[in-house]
Amino acid sequence: MLTAWFLDQEGCDVTLHNNPEIQAASGIAAGLINPITGKRFAKTWMADALFPFANATYESIQQTIGQTFFQPINIMRLADTISQVNDWEARAQNDAFKPYIGTHAISTEIIGKLAESKGVFNIKGGAKINTAILLKGIKDYFEQKNKLVNEAFSTTTYRENERIIYCNGTAIHSVEGLSGIPVIPVKGHYLVCSIPDLNAKEVIQGAVSIIPQEDGLYRIGSTYQWEFAHNESEQMQIDILKQNLEKTIRVPYTIEDVMVGIRPTSDDRRPILGEHPTHSNVYILNGFGTKGYSLAPYFAKQLVDYIVRDTPIEKEVNISRFLNANYHIRSL
């Protein structure tokens, strides 16, 4: 949808196709933007470029649609081991990490409700997006312009001067002629929980992420399945989330809902964008994985700049990296 948004801002005539039947992760994602991730506190790839652009994009969309969905938020990170404590202390002295190292005091009341850990640290520069408001706001924007079609677009034929851009996640495999695009589906579960005694205002990251919501509930997630037989919820994944939640907090909780989505990723964990090598005027934007709301603004704009201004696409994300000597998308 952000590609359609940027094209519209360029003055292009855009029709947005939205398939309500797709079980896309973007619709149920917690919408967390996190600059420091992983067991060793790695800075998110391209964070210094991605995050300011994402923040500016979401704030601009908010102003246009007249609804608030973007909220800067602090992230409380729990360390499991002394090694992680040492890693954090090293990061805190690194100038590249300093914009993301929080120094505000951590509430002893909150710490008392968390499971025992080796250390608790603050990450700043994060944000939380109410994805339901964002997605509905963009759809309403295009519907008011009579440019929203609530059905899938699944052809690579087009009229003269028309361009087709597929931003449809793993559903791209069902489009004739595009099934070879190396988008890998990864299934994810979230729990929606009531934790009335927690009263957390920040994100808590331990064995799971605990993300406060506007309605007073919490998103708990998430799981990652590279092999799965169906798109429905699975008790084993729910149990994993429950076990990890109980490793993170020591207050009671109730599961209110289970959410499942299919994320599109790639074998090198980088987005896939550019013009299809054999279908002229057909473009791809895909493969954002678990960090779609961080990555999508920057790379959707990059694709639009390529289409409108012929600005080069970065090699690391260009679809051309998947081409072999025979100029075909390689089979994974």
C-alpha atoms as a PDB file:
ATOM      1  CA  MET A   1       0.000   0.000   0.000  1.00  0.00           C
ATOM      2  CA  LEU A   2       2.882   2.371   0.632  1.00  0.00           C
ATOM      3  CA  THR A   3       3.957   2.013  -2.989  1.00  0.00           C
ATOM      4  CA  ALA A   4       0.516   3.183  -4.085  1.00  0.00           C
ATOM      5  CA  TRP A   5       0.758   6.012  -1.562  1.00  0.00           C
ATOM      6  CA  PHE A   6       4.110   7.282  -2.864  1.00  0.00           C
ATOM      7  CA  LEU A   7       2.961   7.009  -6.490  1.00  0.00           C
ATOM      8  CA  ASP A   8      -0.136   9.014  -5.634  1.00  0.00           C
ATOM      9  CA  GLN A   9       2.044  11.671  -4.004  1.00  0.00           C
ATOM     10  CA  GLU A  10       4.000  11.855  -7.261  1.00  0.00           C
ATOM     11  CA  GLY A  11       0.784  12.671  -9.100  1.00  0.00           C
ATOM     12  CA  CYS A  12       0.510   9.277 -10.795  1.00  0.00           C
ATOM     13  CA  ASP A  13      -2.865   7.745 -11.639  1.00  0.00           C
ATOM     14  CA  VAL A  14      -2.963   4.782  -9.246  1.00  0.00           C
ATOM     15  CA  THR A  15      -5.483   1.985  -8.744  1.00  0.00           C
ATOM     16  CA  LEU A  16      -4.946   0.014  -5.529  1.00  0.00           C
ATOM     17  CA  HIS A  17      -6.004  -3.633  -5.594  1.00  0.00           C
ATOM     18  CA  ASN A  18      -6.563  -5.075  -2.119  1.00  0.00           C
ATOM     19  CA  ASN A  19      -7.340  -8.769  -1.791  1.00  0.00           C
ATOM     20  CA  PRO A  20      -9.265  -9.243   1.482  1.00  0.00           C
ATOM     21  CA  GLU A  21      -8.782 -13.025   1.294  1.00  0.00           C
ATOM     22  CA  ILE A  22      -4.997 -12.912   1.736  1.00  0.00           C
ATOM     23  CA  GLN A  23      -3.862 -13.942   5.221  1.00  0.00           C
ATOM     24  CA  ALA A  24      -1.083 -11.358   5.157  1.00  0.00           C
ATOM     25  CA  ALA A  25       1.158 -10.766   8.153  1.00  0.00           C
ATOM     26  CA  SER A  26       0.922  -6.994   7.591  1.00  0.00           C
ATOM     27  CA  GLY A  27      -2.704  -7.065   8.700  1.00  0.00           C
ATOM     28  CA  ILE A  28      -2.042  -8.716  12.068  1.00  0.00           C
ATOM     29  CA  ALA A  29       1.519  -7.558  12.722  1.00  0.00           C
ATOM     30  CA  ALA A  30       2.271  -5.810  15.990  1.00  0.00           C
ATOM     31  CA  GLY A  31       3.836  -2.978  13.995  1.00  0.00           C
ATOM     32  CA  LEU A  32       6.968  -2.697  16.130  1.00  0.00           C
ATOM     33  CA  ILE A  33       9.947  -0.718  14.859  1.00  0.00           C
ATOM     34  CA  ASN A  34      13.026  -1.742  16.827  1.00  0.00           C
ATOM     35  CA  PRO A  35      16.544  -0.383  16.185  1.00  0.00           C
ATOM     36  CA  ILE A  36      18.442  -3.021  18.227  1.00  0.00           C
ATOM     37  CA  THR A  37      17.593  -6.708  17.876  1.00  0.00           C
ATOM     38  CA  GLY A  38      18.929 -10.215  18.341  1.00  0.00           C
ATOM     39  CA  LYS A  39      20.663 -11.997  21.173  1.00  0.00           C
ATOM     40  CA  ARG A  40      23.806  -9.911  20.713  1.00  0.00           C
ATOM     41  CA  PHE A  41      22.052  -6.554  20.406  1.00  0.00           C
ATOM     42  CA  ALA A  42      22.787  -5.937  16.746  1.00  0.00           C
ATOM     43  CA  LYS A  43      21.777  -2.640  15.201  1.00  0.00           C
ATOM     44  CA  THR A  44      19.022  -3.152  12.657  1.00  0.00           C
ATOM     45  CA  TRP A  45      20.340  -3.199   9.096  1.00  0.00           C
ATOM     46  CA  MET A  46      20.385   0.362   7.659  1.00  0.00           C
ATOM     47  CA  ALA A  47      18.689   1.688  10.792  1.00  0.00           C
ATOM     48  CA  ASP A  48      20.206   5.167  10.467  1.00  0.00           C
ATOM     49  CA  ALA A  49      18.565   5.611   7.046  1.00  0.00           C
ATOM     50  CA  LEU A  50      15.442   3.505   7.469  1.00  0.00           C
ATOM     51  CA  PHE A  51      14.131   4.812  10.767  1.00  0.00           C
ATOM     52  CA  PRO A  52      14.103   8.576  10.112  1.00  0.00           C
ATOM     53  CA  PHE A  53      12.479   7.969   6.735  1.00  0.00           C
ATOM     54  CA  ALA A  54       9.865   5.628   8.204  1.00  0.00           C
ATOM     55  CA  ASN A  55       9.061   8.101  10.977  1.00  0.00           C
ATOM     56  CA  ALA A  56       8.647  10.980   8.520  1.00  0.00           C
ATOM     57  CA  THR A  57       6.507   8.843   6.197  1.00  0.00           C
ATOM     58  CA  TYR A  58       4.119   7.671   8.890  1.00  0.00           C
ATOM     59  CA  GLU A  59       3.786  11.145  10.363  1.00  0.00           C
ATOM     60  CA  SER A  60       2.966  12.517   6.903  1.00  0.00           C
ATOM     61  CA  ILE A  61       0.330   9.823   6.319  1.00  0.00           C
ATOM     62  CA  GLN A  62      -1.191  10.574   9.716  1.00  0.00           C
ATOM     63  CA  GLN A  63      -1.610  14.216   8.778  1.00  0.00           C
ATOM     64  CA  THR A  64      -3.209  13.349   5.450  1.00  0.00           C
ATOM     65  CA  ILE A  65      -5.706  10.759   6.684  1.00  0.00           C
ATOM     66  CA  GLY A  66      -6.412  12.619   9.923  1.00  0.00           C
ATOM     67  CA  GLN A  67      -5.872   9.619  12.191  1.00  0.00           C
ATOM     68  CA  THR A  68      -3.130   8.762  14.674  1.00  0.00           C
ATOM     69  CA  PHE A  69      -1.479   5.358  14.359  1.00  0.00           C
ATOM     70  CA  PHE A  70       2.241   6.070  14.892  1.00  0.00           C
ATOM     71  CA  GLN A  71       3.654   6.232  18.420  1.00  0.00           C
ATOM     72  CA  PRO A  72       7.323   6.472  19.476  1.00  0.00           C
ATOM     73  CA  ILE A  73       7.905   3.974  22.269  1.00  0.00           C
ATOM     74  CA  ASN A  74      10.740   2.839  24.525  1.00  0.00           C
ATOM     75  CA  ILE A  75      11.791  -0.797  24.563  1.00  0.00           C
ATOM     76  CA  MET A  76      12.873  -2.567  27.765  1.00  0.00           C
ATOM     77  CA  ARG A  77      15.289  -5.364  26.935  1.00  0.00           C
ATOM     78  CA  LEU A  78      16.038  -8.209  29.350  1.00  0.00           C
ATOM     79  CA  ALA A  79      19.435  -9.926  29.328  1.00  0.00           C
ATOM     80  CA  ASP A  80      19.532 -13.679  29.905  1.00  0.00           C
ATOM     81  CA  THR A  81      23.283 -14.054  30.415  1.00  0.00           C
ATOM     82  CA  ILE A  82      26.337 -12.176  31.653  1.00  0.00           C
ATOM     83  CA  SER A  83      27.619 -12.368  28.077  1.00  0.00           C
ATOM     84  CA  GLN A  84      24.613 -10.316  26.958  1.00  0.00           C
ATOM     85  CA  VAL A  85      25.289  -7.782  29.711  1.00  0.00           C
ATOM     86  CA  ASN A  86      28.854  -7.443  28.428  1.00  0.00           C
ATOM     87  CA  ASP A  87      27.611  -7.088  24.856  1.00  0.00           C
ATOM     88  CA  TRP A  88      25.220  -4.317  25.895  1.00  0.00           C
ATOM     89  CA  GLU A  89      27.915  -2.435  27.776  1.00  0.00           C
ATOM     90  CA  ALA A  90      30.135  -2.607  24.693  1.00  0.00           C
ATOM     91  CA  ARG A  91      27.303  -1.315  22.485  1.00  0.00           C
ATOM     92  CA  ALA A  92      26.642   1.553  24.906  1.00  0.00           C
ATOM     93  CA  GLN A  93      30.203   2.803  24.362  1.00  0.00           C
ATOM     94  CA  ASN A  94      29.967   2.553  20.570  1.00  0.00           C
ATOM     95  CA  ASP A  95      29.134   5.856  18.853  1.00  0.00           C
ATOM     96  CA  ALA A  96      27.108   4.008  16.183  1.00  0.00           C
ATOM     97  CA  PHE A  97      24.736   2.716  18.875  1.00  0.00           C
ATOM     98  CA  LYS A  98      24.474   5.813  21.080  1.00  0.00           C
ATOM     99  CA  PRO A  99      21.376   7.258  19.328  1.00  0.00           C
ATOM    100  CA  TYR A 100      19.512   4.120  20.412  1.00  0.00           C
ATOM    101  CA  ILE A 101      20.807   3.665  23.965  1.00  0.00           C
ATOM    102  CA  GLY A 102      18.165   4.778  26.448  1.00  0.00           C
ATOM    103  CA  THR A 103      19.189   6.331  29.754  1.00  0.00           C
ATOM    104  CA  HIS A 104      15.828   6.887  31.461  1.00  0.00           C
ATOM    105  CA  ALA A 105      15.176   5.153  34.773  1.00  0.00           C
ATOM    106  CA  ILE A 106      13.441   1.781  34.753  1.00  0.00           C
ATOM    107  CA  SER A 107      10.530   1.438  37.155  1.00  0.00           C
ATOM    108  CA  THR A 108      11.302  -0.908  40.043  1.00  0.00           C
ATOM    109  CA  GLU A 109       7.589  -1.734  40.106  1.00  0.00           C
ATOM    110  CA  ILE A 110       7.772  -3.098  36.555  1.00  0.00           C
ATOM    111  CA  ILE A 111      11.003  -4.974  37.241  1.00  0.00           C
ATOM    112  CA  GLY A 112       9.315  -6.700  40.171  1.00  0.00           C
ATOM    113  CA  LYS A 113       6.712  -8.111  37.788  1.00  0.00           C
ATOM    114  CA  LEU A 114       9.289  -9.557  35.418  1.00  0.00           C
ATOM    115  CA  ALA A 115      11.104 -12.861  35.638  1.00  0.00           C
ATOM    116  CA  GLU A 116      14.623 -12.765  37.035  1.00  0.00           C
ATOM    117  CA  SER A 117      17.250 -11.665  34.517  1.00  0.00           C
ATOM    118  CA  LYS A 118      20.922 -10.694  34.467  1.00  0.00           C
ATOM    119  CA  GLY A 119      20.146  -7.124  33.463  1.00  0.00           C
ATOM    120  CA  VAL A 120      17.494  -4.754  32.130  1.00  0.00           C
ATOM    121  CA  PHE A 121      18.330  -2.151  29.484  1.00  0.00           C
ATOM    122  CA  ASN A 122      16.557   0.630  27.637  1.00  0.00           C
ATOM    123  CA  ILE A 123      16.389   0.992  23.873  1.00  0.00           C
ATOM    124  CA  LYS A 124      15.189   4.302  22.489  1.00  0.00           C
ATOM    125  CA  GLY A 125      14.247   5.248  18.944  1.00  0.00           C
ATOM    126  CA  GLY A 126      11.618   2.525  18.649  1.00  0.00           C
ATOM    127  CA  ALA A 127       8.033   3.012  17.568  1.00  0.00           C
ATOM    128  CA  LYS A 128       4.710   1.194  17.512  1.00  0.00           C
ATOM    129  CA  ILE A 129       2.214   1.343  14.660  1.00  0.00           C
ATOM    130  CA  ASN A 130      -1.482   0.593  14.938  1.00  0.00           C
ATOM    131  CA  THR A 131      -1.518  -1.369  11.713  1.00  0.00           C
ATOM    132  CA  ALA A 132      -5.306  -1.628  11.515  1.00  0.00           C
ATOM    133  CA  ILE A 133      -5.696   2.176  11.518  1.00  0.00           C
ATOM    134  CA  LEU A 134      -2.862   2.661   9.015  1.00  0.00           C
ATOM    135  CA  LEU A 135      -4.104   0.079   6.518  1.00  0.00           C
ATOM    136  CA  LYS A 136      -7.737   1.155   6.767  1.00  0.00           C
ATOM    137  CA  GLY A 137      -6.715   4.803   6.446  1.00  0.00           C
ATOM    138  CA  ILE A 138      -4.827   4.192   3.207  1.00  0.00           C
ATOM    139  CA  LYS A 139      -7.634   2.055   1.785  1.00  0.00           C
ATOM    140  CA  ASP A 140     -10.205   4.714   2.673  1.00  0.00           C
ATOM    141  CA  TYR A 141      -7.999   7.359   1.045  1.00  0.00           C
ATOM    142  CA  PHE A 142      -7.982   5.495  -2.271  1.00  0.00           C
ATOM    143  CA  GLU A 143     -11.651   4.522  -1.972  1.00  0.00           C
ATOM    144  CA  GLN A 144     -12.601   8.196  -1.680  1.00  0.00           C
ATOM    145  CA  LYS A 145     -10.768   8.733  -4.966  1.00  0.00           C
ATOM    146  CA  ASN A 146     -12.601   5.735  -6.525  1.00  0.00           C
ATOM    147  CA  LYS A 147      -9.222   4.041  -6.887  1.00  0.00           C
ATOM    148  CA  LEU A 148      -9.673   1.043  -4.584  1.00  0.00           C
ATOM    149  CA  VAL A 149     -10.583  -2.406  -5.915  1.00  0.00           C
ATOM    150  CA  ASN A 150     -11.215  -5.049  -3.244  1.00  0.00           C
ATOM    151  CA  GLU A 151     -10.081  -8.059  -5.225  1.00  0.00           C
ATOM    152  CA  ALA A 152      -6.812  -9.621  -6.304  1.00  0.00           C
ATOM    153  CA  PHE A 153      -4.999  -8.459  -9.410  1.00  0.00           C
ATOM    154  CA  SER A 154      -3.439 -11.523 -11.008  1.00  0.00           C
ATOM    155  CA  THR A 155      -2.301 -10.829 -14.528  1.00  0.00           C
ATOM    156  CA  THR A 156       0.896  -9.654 -16.150  1.00  0.00           C
ATOM    157  CA  THR A 157      -0.919  -8.174 -19.160  1.00  0.00           C
ATOM    158  CA  TYR A 158      -1.384  -4.438 -19.289  1.00  0.00           C
ATOM    159  CA  ARG A 159      -2.386  -1.532 -21.464  1.00  0.00           C
ATOM    160  CA  GLU A 160       0.142   0.772 -23.102  1.00  0.00           C
ATOM    161  CA  ASN A 161       1.832   3.108 -20.589  1.00  0.00           C
ATOM    162  CA  GLU A 162       0.409   1.047 -17.711  1.00  0.00           C
ATOM    163  CA  ARG A 163       2.648  -0.432 -15.042  1.00  0.00           C
ATOM    164  CA  ILE A 164       1.781  -3.265 -12.677  1.00  0.00           C
ATOM    165  CA  ILE A 165       3.398  -3.443  -9.252  1.00  0.00           C
ATOM    166  CA  TYR A 166       3.003  -6.594  -7.174  1.00  0.00           C
ATOM    167  CA  CYS A 167       3.315  -6.010  -3.428  1.00  0.00           C
ATOM    168  CA  ASN A 168       1.290  -9.072  -2.479  1.00  0.00           C
ATOM    169  CA  GLY A 169       3.615 -11.119  -0.302  1.00  0.00           C
ATOM    170  CA  THR A 170       3.499 -14.883  -0.702  1.00  0.00           C
ATOM    171  CA  ALA A 171       0.399 -14.559  -2.907  1.00  0.00           C
ATOM    172  CA  ILE A 172       2.807 -13.690  -5.707  1.00  0.00           C
ATOM    173  CA  HIS A 173       3.336 -17.427  -6.173  1.00  0.00           C
ATOM    174  CA  SER A 174      -0.242 -17.739  -7.456  1.00  0.00           C
ATOM    175  CA  VAL A 175       0.274 -15.139 -10.209  1.00  0.00           C
ATOM    176  CA  GLU A 176       0.877 -16.707 -13.606  1.00  0.00           C
ATOM    177  CA  GLY A 177       4.427 -16.078 -14.719  1.00  0.00           C
ATOM    178  CA  LEU A 178       5.639 -14.926 -11.300  1.00  0.00           C
ATOM    179  CA  SER A 179       5.701 -18.185  -9.341  1.00  0.00           C
ATOM    180  CA  GLY A 180       9.499 -18.292  -9.582  1.00  0.00           C
ATOM    181  CA  ILE A 181      10.018 -15.134  -7.539  1.00  0.00           C
ATOM    182  CA  PRO A 182      12.047 -16.419  -4.548  1.00  0.00           C
ATOM    183  CA  VAL A 183       9.692 -15.270  -1.815  1.00  0.00           C
ATOM    184  CA  ILE A 184       9.742 -17.685   1.132  1.00  0.00           C
ATOM    185  CA  PRO A 185       6.640 -17.966   3.352  1.00  0.00           C
ATOM    186  CA  VAL A 186       7.230 -17.929   7.107  1.00  0.00           C
ATOM    187  CA  LYS A 187       4.281 -18.547   9.408  1.00  0.00           C
ATOM    188  CA  GLY A 188       3.965 -16.557  12.613  1.00  0.00           C
ATOM    189  CA  HIS A 189       1.711 -16.677  15.686  1.00  0.00           C
ATOM    190  CA  TYR A 190       0.834 -13.867  18.081  1.00  0.00           C
ATOM    191  CA  LEU A 191      -1.140 -14.071  21.281  1.00  0.00           C
ATOM    192  CA  VAL A 192      -3.401 -11.262  22.428  1.00  0.00           C
ATOM    193  CA  CYS A 193      -3.359 -11.309  26.229  1.00  0.00           C
ATOM    194  CA  SER A 194      -4.893  -9.548  29.176  1.00  0.00           C
ATOM    195  CA  ILE A 195      -2.231  -8.888  31.828  1.00  0.00           C
ATOM    196  CA  PRO A 196      -3.998  -6.508  34.223  1.00  0.00           C
ATOM    197  CA  ASP A 197      -1.219  -6.447  36.845  1.00  0.00           C
ATOM    198  CA  LEU A 198       1.563  -5.515  34.414  1.00  0.00           C
ATOM    199  CA  ASN A 199       0.658  -1.894  33.567  1.00  0.00           C
ATOM    200  CA  ALA A 200       3.540  -1.579  31.117  1.00  0.00           C
ATOM    201  CA  LYS A 201       3.798   1.526  28.932  1.00  0.00           C
ATOM    202  CA  GLU A 202       6.884   0.362  27.085  1.00  0.00           C
ATOM    203  CA  VAL A 203       7.630  -2.742  25.041  1.00  0.00           C
ATOM    204  CA  ILE A 204       9.194  -5.551  27.082  1.00  0.00           C
ATOM    205  CA  GLN A 205      11.525  -7.938  25.273  1.00  0.00           C
ATOM    206  CA  GLY A 206      12.560 -11.108  27.025  1.00  0.00           C
ATOM    207  CA  ALA A 207      11.902 -14.625  25.783  1.00  0.00           C
ATOM    208  CA  VAL A 208       9.020 -12.972  23.895  1.00  0.00           C
ATOM    209  CA  SER A 209       8.077  -9.414  22.998  1.00  0.00           C
ATOM    210  CA  ILE A 210       5.248  -7.920  25.061  1.00  0.00           C
ATOM    211  CA  ILE A 211       3.737  -4.976  23.221  1.00  0.00           C
ATOM    212  CA  PRO A 212       1.106  -2.806  24.915  1.00  0.00           C
ATOM    213  CA  GLN A 213      -1.978  -1.962  22.871  1.00  0.00           C
ATOM    214  CA  GLU A 214      -4.376   0.974  22.995  1.00  0.00           C
ATOM    215  CA  ASP A 215      -7.174  -1.207  24.367  1.00  0.00           C
ATOM    216  CA  GLY A 216      -5.137  -2.228  27.416  1.00  0.00           C
ATOM    217  CA  LEU A 217      -4.294  -5.678  26.055  1.00  0.00           C
ATOM    218  CA  TYR A 218      -0.849  -6.911  24.997  1.00  0.00           C
ATOM    219  CA  ARG A 219       0.488  -8.528  21.838  1.00  0.00           C
ATOM    220  CA  ILE A 220       2.788 -11.446  22.666  1.00  0.00           C
ATOM    221  CA  GLY A 221       5.013 -12.731  19.928  1.00  0.00           C
ATOM    222  CA  SER A 222       6.066 -14.146  17.869  1.00  0.00           C
ATOM    223  CA  THR A 223       6.858 -17.569  16.440  1.00  0.00           C
ATOM    224  CA  TYR A 224       8.640 -18.467  13.209  1.00  0.00           C
ATOM    225  CA  GLN A 225       7.783 -21.533  11.112  1.00  0.00           C
ATOM    226  CA  TRP A 226       9.532 -22.159   7.822  1.00  0.00           C
ATOM    227  CA  GLU A 227       7.674 -25.439   7.315  1.00  0.00           C
ATOM    228  CA  PHE A 228       3.933 -25.730   7.853  1.00  0.00           C
ATOM    229  CA  ALA A 229       1.015 -27.650   6.378  1.00  0.00           C
ATOM    230  CA  HIS A 230      -1.736 -25.019   6.733  1.00  0.00           C
ATOM    231  CA  ASN A 231      -2.373 -21.391   7.647  1.00  0.00           C
ATOM    232  CA  GLU A 232      -4.428 -22.029  10.783  1.00  0.00           C
ATOM    233  CA  SER A 233      -3.243 -21.692  14.379  1.00  0.00           C
ATOM    234  CA  GLU A 234      -1.334 -24.590  15.934  1.00  0.00           C
ATOM    235  CA  GLN A 235      -1.415 -25.571  19.588  1.00  0.00           C
ATOM    236  CA  MET A 236       2.317 -26.310  19.643  1.00  0.00           C
ATOM    237  CA  GLN A 237       3.089 -22.717  18.625  1.00  0.00           C
ATOM    238  CA  ILE A 238       0.634 -21.352  21.172  1.00  0.00           C
ATOM    239  CA  ASP A 239       2.318 -23.446  23.862  1.00  0.00           C
ATOM    240  CA  ILE A 240       5.739 -22.084  22.854  1.00  0.00           C
ATOM    241  CA  LEU A 241       4.483 -18.530  23.259  1.00  0.00           C
ATOM    242  CA  LYS A 242       2.907 -19.344  26.629  1.00  0.00           C
ATOM    243  CA  GLN A 243       6.124 -20.936  27.899  1.00  0.00           C
ATOM    244  CA  ASN A 244       8.203 -17.971  26.763  1.00  0.00           C
ATOM    245  CA  LEU A 245       5.755 -15.472  28.232  1.00  0.00           C
ATOM    246  CA  GLU A 246       6.014 -17.254  31.573  1.00  0.00           C
ATOM    247  CA  LYS A 247       9.814 -16.993  31.295  1.00  0.00           C
ATOM    248  CA  THR A 248       9.440 -13.226  30.904  1.00  0.00           C
ATOM    249  CA  ILE A 249       6.797 -12.165  33.451  1.00  0.00           C
ATOM    250  CA  ARG A 250       5.713 -13.396  36.873  1.00  0.00           C
ATOM    251  CA  VAL A 251       2.155 -12.027  36.932  1.00  0.00           C
ATOM    252  CA  PRO A 252      -0.986 -13.860  35.732  1.00  0.00           C
ATOM    253  CA  TYR A 253      -2.335 -13.488  32.211  1.00  0.00           C
ATOM    254  CA  THR A 254      -5.299 -14.602  30.126  1.00  0.00           C
ATOM    255  CA  ILE A 255      -5.203 -15.389  26.409  1.00  0.00           C
ATOM    256  CA  GLU A 256      -7.912 -13.413  24.630  1.00  0.00           C
ATOM    257  CA  ASP A 257      -7.067 -14.257  21.026  1.00  0.00           C
ATOM    258  CA  VAL A 258      -4.582 -16.013  18.743  1.00  0.00           C
ATOM    259  CA  MET A 259      -3.467 -14.367  15.503  1.00  0.00           C
ATOM    260  CA  VAL A 260      -1.681 -16.039  12.595  1.00  0.00           C
ATOM    261  CA  GLY A 261      -0.070 -14.484   9.535  1.00  0.00           C
ATOM    262  CA  ILE A 262       2.234 -15.547   6.724  1.00  0.00           C
ATOM    263  CA  ARG A 263       5.330 -13.388   6.306  1.00  0.00           C
ATOM    264  CA  PRO A 264       7.147 -13.098   2.966  1.00  0.00           C
ATOM    265  CA  THR A 265      10.929 -13.284   3.301  1.00  0.00           C
ATOM    266  CA  SER A 266      13.895 -14.175   1.105  1.00  0.00           C
ATOM    267  CA  ASP A 267      16.835 -16.511   1.427  1.00  0.00           C
ATOM    268  CA  ASP A 268      19.229 -13.649   2.192  1.00  0.00           C
ATOM    269  CA  ARG A 269      16.751 -11.816   4.486  1.00  0.00           C
ATOM    270  CA  ARG A 270      16.694  -8.726   2.276  1.00  0.00           C
ATOM    271  CA  PRO A 271      13.753  -7.168   0.421  1.00  0.00           C
ATOM    272  CA  ILE A 272      13.168  -7.963  -3.236  1.00  0.00           C
ATOM    273  CA  LEU A 273      12.357  -5.064  -5.554  1.00  0.00           C
ATOM    274  CA  GLY A 274      12.701  -3.976  -9.124  1.00  0.00           C
ATOM    275  CA  GLU A 275      11.408  -4.698 -12.597  1.00  0.00           C
ATOM    276  CA  HIS A 276      10.727  -8.309 -13.524  1.00  0.00           C
ATOM    277  CA  PRO A 277      13.450  -9.541 -15.900  1.00  0.00           C
ATOM    278  CA  THR A 278      11.093 -11.024 -18.491  1.00  0.00           C
ATOM    279  CA  HIS A 279       7.798  -9.164 -17.973  1.00  0.00           C
ATOM    280  CA  SER A 280       8.302  -5.591 -19.112  1.00  0.00           C
ATOM    281  CA  ASN A 281       6.548  -2.961 -16.986  1.00  0.00           C
ATOM    282  CA  VAL A 282       5.871  -5.488 -14.211  1.00  0.00           C
ATOM    283  CA  TYR A 283       7.496  -4.600 -10.890  1.00  0.00           C
ATOM    284  CA  ILE A 284       7.980  -6.428  -7.595  1.00  0.00           C
ATOM    285  CA  LEU A 285       8.140  -5.187  -3.999  1.00  0.00           C
ATOM    286  CA  ASN A 286       8.333  -8.076  -1.578  1.00  0.00           C
ATOM    287  CA  GLY A 287      10.331 -10.089   0.943  1.00  0.00           C
ATOM    288  CA  PHE A 288      10.178  -7.771   3.974  1.00  0.00           C
ATOM    289  CA  GLY A 289       9.890 -10.592   6.506  1.00  0.00           C
ATOM    290  CA  THR A 290       9.475  -9.570  10.148  1.00  0.00           C
ATOM    291  CA  LYS A 291      10.560  -5.938   9.666  1.00  0.00           C
ATOM    292  CA  GLY A 292       8.080  -4.775   7.071  1.00  0.00           C
ATOM    293  CA  TYR A 293       6.966  -1.629   8.857  1.00  0.00           C
ATOM    294  CA  SER A 294      10.598  -0.535   9.265  1.00  0.00           C
ATOM    295  CA  LEU A 295      11.710  -1.418   5.731  1.00  0.00           C
ATOM    296  CA  ALA A 296       8.670  -0.736   3.562  1.00  0.00           C
ATOM    297  CA  PRO A 297       8.623   3.092   3.535  1.00  0.00           C
ATOM    298  CA  TYR A 298      12.249   3.435   2.424  1.00  0.00           C
ATOM    299  CA  PHE A 299      12.174   0.723  -0.219  1.00  0.00           C
ATOM    300  CA  ALA A 300       8.687   1.474  -1.531  1.00  0.00           C
ATOM    301  CA  LYS A 301       9.943   5.011  -2.170  1.00  0.00           C
ATOM    302  CA  GLN A 302      13.084   3.620  -3.796  1.00  0.00           C
ATOM    303  CA  LEU A 303      10.985   1.545  -6.191  1.00  0.00           C
ATOM    304  CA  VAL A 304       8.772   4.536  -6.991  1.00  0.00           C
ATOM    305  CA  ASP A 305      11.856   6.667  -7.685  1.00  0.00           C
ATOM    306  CA  TYR A 306      13.111   3.937 -10.007  1.00  0.00           C
ATOM    307  CA  ILE A 307       9.803   3.889 -11.910  1.00  0.00           C
ATOM    308  CA  VAL A 308       9.297   7.650 -12.039  1.00  0.00           C
ATOM    309  CA  ARG A 309      12.891   8.916 -12.309  1.00  0.00           C
ATOM    310  CA  ASP A 310      14.912   5.847 -13.314  1.00  0.00           C
ATOM    311  CA  THR A 311      16.900   6.165 -10.085  1.00  0.00           C
ATOM    312  CA  PRO A 312      18.988   3.004  -9.518  1.00  0.00           C
ATOM    313  CA  ILE A 313      17.861   0.395  -7.003  1.00  0.00           C
ATOM    314  CA  GLU A 314      20.459  -0.682  -4.465  1.00  0.00           C
ATOM    315  CA  LYS A 315      22.172  -3.926  -5.462  1.00  0.00           C
ATOM    316  CA  GLU A 316      21.562  -5.558  -2.088  1.00  0.00           C
ATOM    317  CA  VAL A 317      17.775  -5.463  -2.590  1.00  0.00           C
ATOM    318  CA  ASN A 318      17.523  -5.513  -6.382  1.00  0.00           C
ATOM    319  CA  ILE A 319      15.645  -8.477  -7.830  1.00  0.00           C
ATOM    320  CA  SER A 320      18.521  -8.860 -10.282  1.00  0.00           C
ATOM    321  CA  ARG A 321      20.614 -10.527  -7.544  1.00  0.00           C
ATOM    322  CA  PHE A 322      18.540 -13.680  -8.035  1.00  0.00           C
ATOM    323  CA  LEU A 323      19.343 -13.991 -11.729  1.00  0.00           C
ATOM    324  CA  ASN A 324      21.636 -16.710 -12.977  1.00  0.00           C
ATOM    325  CA  ALA A 325      23.635 -16.755 -16.200  1.00  0.00           C
ATOM    326  CA  ASN A 326      20.571 -17.825 -18.187  1.00  0.00           C
ATOM    327  CA  TYR A 327      18.689 -14.723 -16.983  1.00  0.00           C
ATOM    328  CA  HIS A 328      15.973 -16.646 -15.220  1.00  0.00           C
ATOM    329  CA  ILE A 329      14.853 -16.369 -11.629  1.00  0.00           C
ATOM    330  CA  ARG A 330      16.658 -19.253 -10.017  1.00  0.00           C
ATOM    331  CA  SER A 331      14.659 -21.972  -8.297  1.00  0.00           C
ATOM    332  CA  LEU A 332      15.167 -22.199  -4.541  1.00  0.00           C
END
